[in-house]
Amino acid sequence: HEPQAIGPSMLAQISRGIYTAKQFKDMEVSILMAVSWRVNPPTALSFVQQALTIVSETVNNDHFNHDNVDHDDQVLDQYLLETVYDL
C-alpha cells in the first residue's frame, strides 16, 4: 500500500489537462459503484508488470516515431524504466 494516494488533481496534471480532476473523481465513483466497492489495491509487482507491458508495447510498436516524442515523455519513460529495474 502506498503511504500517500494520488488524488484527482494530480491525475489531472499527469493527463496534461486532457481530463479534469472532477472527471477522474466521477469516473472513480462510477467504477466503484459498478463493482459494488469490491476492490483490492494493486500490489507493487502487478503495477510494475502493467507498466512494463505498456512501455514495451510502446517501444515495440512499428508505428512509434521517436521524432514525435517530447522530451518530458522521454525523461518520464527513462525514470520509470530505471525505477522498475532498481527493484
N, C-alpha and C. Protein backbone atom coordinates (compact mmCIF):
# COMPACT_ATOMS: atom_id res chain seq x y z
N HIS A 1 0.84 -1.18 0.00
CA HIS A 1 0.00 0.00 0.00
C HIS A 1 0.89 1.25 0.00
N GLU A 2 0.47 2.19 -0.80
CA GLU A 2 1.23 3.43 -0.88
C GLU A 2 0.94 4.29 0.35
N PRO A 3 1.95 4.99 0.86
CA PRO A 3 1.72 5.84 2.03
C PRO A 3 0.87 7.07 1.70
N GLN A 4 0.82 7.42 0.44
CA GLN A 4 0.04 8.59 0.04
C GLN A 4 -0.69 8.28 -1.27
N ALA A 5 -1.97 8.56 -1.30
CA ALA A 5 -2.77 8.29 -2.50
C ALA A 5 -2.54 9.40 -3.53
N ILE A 6 -2.65 9.03 -4.80
CA ILE A 6 -2.61 10.02 -5.87
C ILE A 6 -4.02 10.55 -6.03
N GLY A 7 -4.20 11.82 -5.81
CA GLY A 7 -5.52 12.43 -5.87
C GLY A 7 -5.93 12.81 -7.28
N PRO A 8 -7.20 13.17 -7.44
CA PRO A 8 -7.72 13.54 -8.76
C PRO A 8 -6.99 14.73 -9.39
N SER A 9 -6.57 15.68 -8.56
CA SER A 9 -5.88 16.85 -9.13
C SER A 9 -4.51 16.46 -9.68
N MET A 10 -3.82 15.53 -9.02
CA MET A 10 -2.54 15.06 -9.53
C MET A 10 -2.74 14.29 -10.84
N LEU A 11 -3.78 13.45 -10.90
CA LEU A 11 -4.08 12.72 -12.13
C LEU A 11 -4.40 13.68 -13.27
N ALA A 12 -5.11 14.76 -12.96
CA ALA A 12 -5.42 15.77 -13.98
C ALA A 12 -4.14 16.41 -14.50
N GLN A 13 -3.20 16.67 -13.60
CA GLN A 13 -1.91 17.24 -14.03
C GLN A 13 -1.15 16.25 -14.89
N ILE A 14 -1.14 14.98 -14.49
CA ILE A 14 -0.44 13.95 -15.25
C ILE A 14 -1.04 13.81 -16.65
N SER A 15 -2.36 13.97 -16.75
CA SER A 15 -3.02 13.84 -18.05
C SER A 15 -2.83 15.08 -18.92
N ARG A 16 -2.13 16.06 -18.37
CA ARG A 16 -1.84 17.31 -19.09
C ARG A 16 -3.10 18.01 -19.57
N GLY A 17 -4.11 18.00 -18.70
CA GLY A 17 -5.33 18.73 -18.99
C GLY A 17 -6.32 18.02 -19.89
N ILE A 18 -6.01 16.80 -20.29
CA ILE A 18 -6.96 16.06 -21.13
C ILE A 18 -8.22 15.75 -20.31
N TYR A 19 -8.03 15.43 -19.04
CA TYR A 19 -9.14 15.16 -18.13
C TYR A 19 -9.03 16.10 -16.94
N THR A 20 -10.17 16.46 -16.38
CA THR A 20 -10.20 17.31 -15.19
C THR A 20 -10.22 16.44 -13.94
N ALA A 21 -9.92 17.08 -12.81
CA ALA A 21 -9.97 16.36 -11.54
C ALA A 21 -11.39 15.83 -11.29
N LYS A 22 -12.39 16.61 -11.65
CA LYS A 22 -13.77 16.18 -11.48
C LYS A 22 -14.08 14.95 -12.34
N GLN A 23 -13.57 14.91 -13.56
CA GLN A 23 -13.79 13.74 -14.41
C GLN A 23 -13.16 12.49 -13.81
N PHE A 24 -11.96 12.63 -13.25
CA PHE A 24 -11.32 11.48 -12.59
C PHE A 24 -12.15 11.02 -11.39
N LYS A 25 -12.60 11.98 -10.60
CA LYS A 25 -13.38 11.64 -9.41
C LYS A 25 -14.70 10.97 -9.80
N ASP A 26 -15.39 11.54 -10.80
CA ASP A 26 -16.66 10.97 -11.24
C ASP A 26 -16.48 9.55 -11.80
N MET A 27 -15.41 9.34 -12.56
CA MET A 27 -15.16 8.01 -13.12
C MET A 27 -14.81 7.02 -12.02
N GLU A 28 -14.04 7.46 -11.04
CA GLU A 28 -13.70 6.58 -9.92
C GLU A 28 -14.97 6.12 -9.20
N VAL A 29 -15.87 7.04 -8.94
CA VAL A 29 -17.13 6.70 -8.27
C VAL A 29 -17.94 5.75 -9.14
N SER A 30 -17.98 6.04 -10.44
CA SER A 30 -18.74 5.19 -11.37
C SER A 30 -18.19 3.76 -11.38
N ILE A 31 -16.88 3.62 -11.42
CA ILE A 31 -16.26 2.30 -11.42
C ILE A 31 -16.52 1.57 -10.11
N LEU A 32 -16.35 2.28 -8.99
CA LEU A 32 -16.58 1.66 -7.68
C LEU A 32 -18.03 1.21 -7.52
N MET A 33 -18.96 2.00 -8.02
CA MET A 33 -20.37 1.62 -7.95
C MET A 33 -20.63 0.39 -8.83
N ALA A 34 -20.01 0.34 -10.00
CA ALA A 34 -20.22 -0.78 -10.93
C ALA A 34 -19.73 -2.11 -10.34
N VAL A 35 -18.67 -2.05 -9.54
CA VAL A 35 -18.14 -3.28 -8.94
C VAL A 35 -18.60 -3.44 -7.48
N SER A 36 -19.58 -2.67 -7.10
CA SER A 36 -20.15 -2.72 -5.74
C SER A 36 -19.07 -2.58 -4.67
N TRP A 37 -18.08 -1.77 -4.94
CA TRP A 37 -17.00 -1.48 -4.00
C TRP A 37 -16.17 -2.71 -3.64
N ARG A 38 -16.23 -3.76 -4.46
CA ARG A 38 -15.42 -4.96 -4.21
C ARG A 38 -14.10 -4.79 -4.96
N VAL A 39 -13.13 -4.21 -4.27
CA VAL A 39 -11.84 -3.95 -4.90
C VAL A 39 -10.70 -4.30 -3.95
N ASN A 40 -9.57 -4.60 -4.54
CA ASN A 40 -8.33 -4.80 -3.79
C ASN A 40 -7.29 -3.87 -4.41
N PRO A 41 -6.44 -3.31 -3.60
CA PRO A 41 -5.42 -2.44 -4.17
C PRO A 41 -4.41 -3.26 -4.98
N PRO A 42 -3.85 -2.67 -6.02
CA PRO A 42 -2.83 -3.40 -6.78
C PRO A 42 -1.57 -3.58 -5.95
N THR A 43 -0.89 -4.67 -6.16
CA THR A 43 0.40 -4.87 -5.50
C THR A 43 1.46 -4.12 -6.29
N ALA A 44 2.60 -3.91 -5.67
CA ALA A 44 3.70 -3.24 -6.36
C ALA A 44 4.11 -4.05 -7.59
N LEU A 45 4.13 -5.37 -7.45
CA LEU A 45 4.52 -6.23 -8.56
C LEU A 45 3.53 -6.13 -9.72
N SER A 46 2.24 -6.13 -9.42
CA SER A 46 1.26 -6.05 -10.50
C SER A 46 1.34 -4.69 -11.21
N PHE A 47 1.63 -3.63 -10.46
CA PHE A 47 1.80 -2.31 -11.07
C PHE A 47 3.00 -2.32 -12.01
N VAL A 48 4.12 -2.87 -11.56
CA VAL A 48 5.33 -2.90 -12.37
C VAL A 48 5.10 -3.74 -13.63
N GLN A 49 4.42 -4.87 -13.49
CA GLN A 49 4.14 -5.70 -14.66
C GLN A 49 3.29 -4.95 -15.68
N GLN A 50 2.29 -4.23 -15.22
CA GLN A 50 1.45 -3.46 -16.11
C GLN A 50 2.24 -2.33 -16.77
N ALA A 51 3.06 -1.63 -15.99
CA ALA A 51 3.88 -0.55 -16.53
C ALA A 51 4.84 -1.06 -17.59
N LEU A 52 5.48 -2.19 -17.32
CA LEU A 52 6.41 -2.76 -18.30
C LEU A 52 5.69 -3.19 -19.58
N THR A 53 4.50 -3.72 -19.45
CA THR A 53 3.72 -4.10 -20.62
C THR A 53 3.43 -2.88 -21.49
N ILE A 54 3.01 -1.80 -20.86
CA ILE A 54 2.69 -0.58 -21.61
C ILE A 54 3.93 -0.02 -22.27
N VAL A 55 5.03 0.06 -21.53
CA VAL A 55 6.27 0.61 -22.07
C VAL A 55 6.78 -0.26 -23.21
N SER A 56 6.77 -1.57 -23.04
CA SER A 56 7.31 -2.44 -24.09
C SER A 56 6.43 -2.40 -25.34
N GLU A 57 5.12 -2.29 -25.18
CA GLU A 57 4.23 -2.17 -26.34
C GLU A 57 4.52 -0.88 -27.10
N THR A 58 4.78 0.19 -26.36
CA THR A 58 5.08 1.48 -26.98
C THR A 58 6.40 1.42 -27.73
N VAL A 59 7.41 0.86 -27.10
CA VAL A 59 8.73 0.79 -27.71
C VAL A 59 8.74 -0.15 -28.91
N ASN A 60 8.00 -1.25 -28.83
CA ASN A 60 8.00 -2.24 -29.90
C ASN A 60 7.02 -1.93 -31.03
N ASN A 61 6.20 -0.91 -30.86
CA ASN A 61 5.22 -0.55 -31.87
C ASN A 61 5.94 -0.05 -33.13
N ASP A 62 5.68 -0.68 -34.27
CA ASP A 62 6.32 -0.28 -35.53
C ASP A 62 5.96 1.14 -35.94
N HIS A 63 4.83 1.63 -35.47
CA HIS A 63 4.38 2.96 -35.85
C HIS A 63 4.91 4.03 -34.91
N PHE A 64 5.68 3.63 -33.92
CA PHE A 64 6.21 4.58 -32.93
C PHE A 64 7.28 5.43 -33.59
N ASN A 65 7.08 6.73 -33.54
CA ASN A 65 8.01 7.67 -34.18
C ASN A 65 8.70 8.46 -33.08
N HIS A 66 9.98 8.21 -32.89
CA HIS A 66 10.72 8.88 -31.82
C HIS A 66 10.80 10.39 -32.02
N ASP A 67 10.64 10.86 -33.25
CA ASP A 67 10.69 12.30 -33.51
C ASP A 67 9.49 13.02 -32.91
N ASN A 68 8.39 12.29 -32.68
CA ASN A 68 7.17 12.91 -32.15
C ASN A 68 7.06 12.84 -30.63
N VAL A 69 8.03 12.24 -29.97
CA VAL A 69 8.00 12.12 -28.52
C VAL A 69 8.66 13.35 -27.92
N ASP A 70 7.93 14.02 -27.05
CA ASP A 70 8.55 15.22 -26.49
C ASP A 70 9.50 14.85 -25.36
N HIS A 71 10.39 15.74 -25.04
CA HIS A 71 11.48 15.47 -24.10
C HIS A 71 10.95 15.04 -22.74
N ASP A 72 9.87 15.65 -22.25
CA ASP A 72 9.32 15.29 -20.94
C ASP A 72 8.88 13.83 -20.92
N ASP A 73 8.28 13.37 -22.02
CA ASP A 73 7.86 11.97 -22.10
C ASP A 73 9.06 11.04 -22.08
N GLN A 74 10.12 11.41 -22.78
CA GLN A 74 11.33 10.58 -22.78
C GLN A 74 11.93 10.51 -21.39
N VAL A 75 11.95 11.63 -20.68
CA VAL A 75 12.50 11.65 -19.32
C VAL A 75 11.65 10.78 -18.39
N LEU A 76 10.33 10.90 -18.52
CA LEU A 76 9.42 10.09 -17.69
C LEU A 76 9.61 8.61 -17.99
N ASP A 77 9.67 8.25 -19.26
CA ASP A 77 9.88 6.85 -19.62
C ASP A 77 11.19 6.31 -19.04
N GLN A 78 12.24 7.10 -19.16
CA GLN A 78 13.54 6.68 -18.64
C GLN A 78 13.48 6.50 -17.13
N TYR A 79 12.81 7.43 -16.44
CA TYR A 79 12.67 7.35 -14.99
C TYR A 79 11.92 6.08 -14.59
N LEU A 80 10.80 5.81 -15.30
CA LEU A 80 10.01 4.62 -14.98
C LEU A 80 10.82 3.35 -15.17
N LEU A 81 11.54 3.27 -16.28
CA LEU A 81 12.34 2.07 -16.53
C LEU A 81 13.45 1.91 -15.50
N GLU A 82 14.12 2.99 -15.16
CA GLU A 82 15.18 2.91 -14.17
C GLU A 82 14.63 2.53 -12.80
N THR A 83 13.47 3.05 -12.46
CA THR A 83 12.83 2.72 -11.19
C THR A 83 12.47 1.24 -11.14
N VAL A 84 11.91 0.74 -12.22
CA VAL A 84 11.50 -0.66 -12.28
C VAL A 84 12.71 -1.57 -12.16
N TYR A 85 13.77 -1.26 -12.87
CA TYR A 85 14.94 -2.12 -12.86
C TYR A 85 15.73 -2.02 -11.56
N ASP A 86 15.47 -1.00 -10.75
CA ASP A 86 16.12 -0.88 -9.45
C ASP A 86 15.45 -1.75 -8.39
N LEU A 87 14.28 -2.32 -8.71
CA LEU A 87 13.55 -3.12 -7.72
C LEU A 87 14.34 -4.30 -7.37
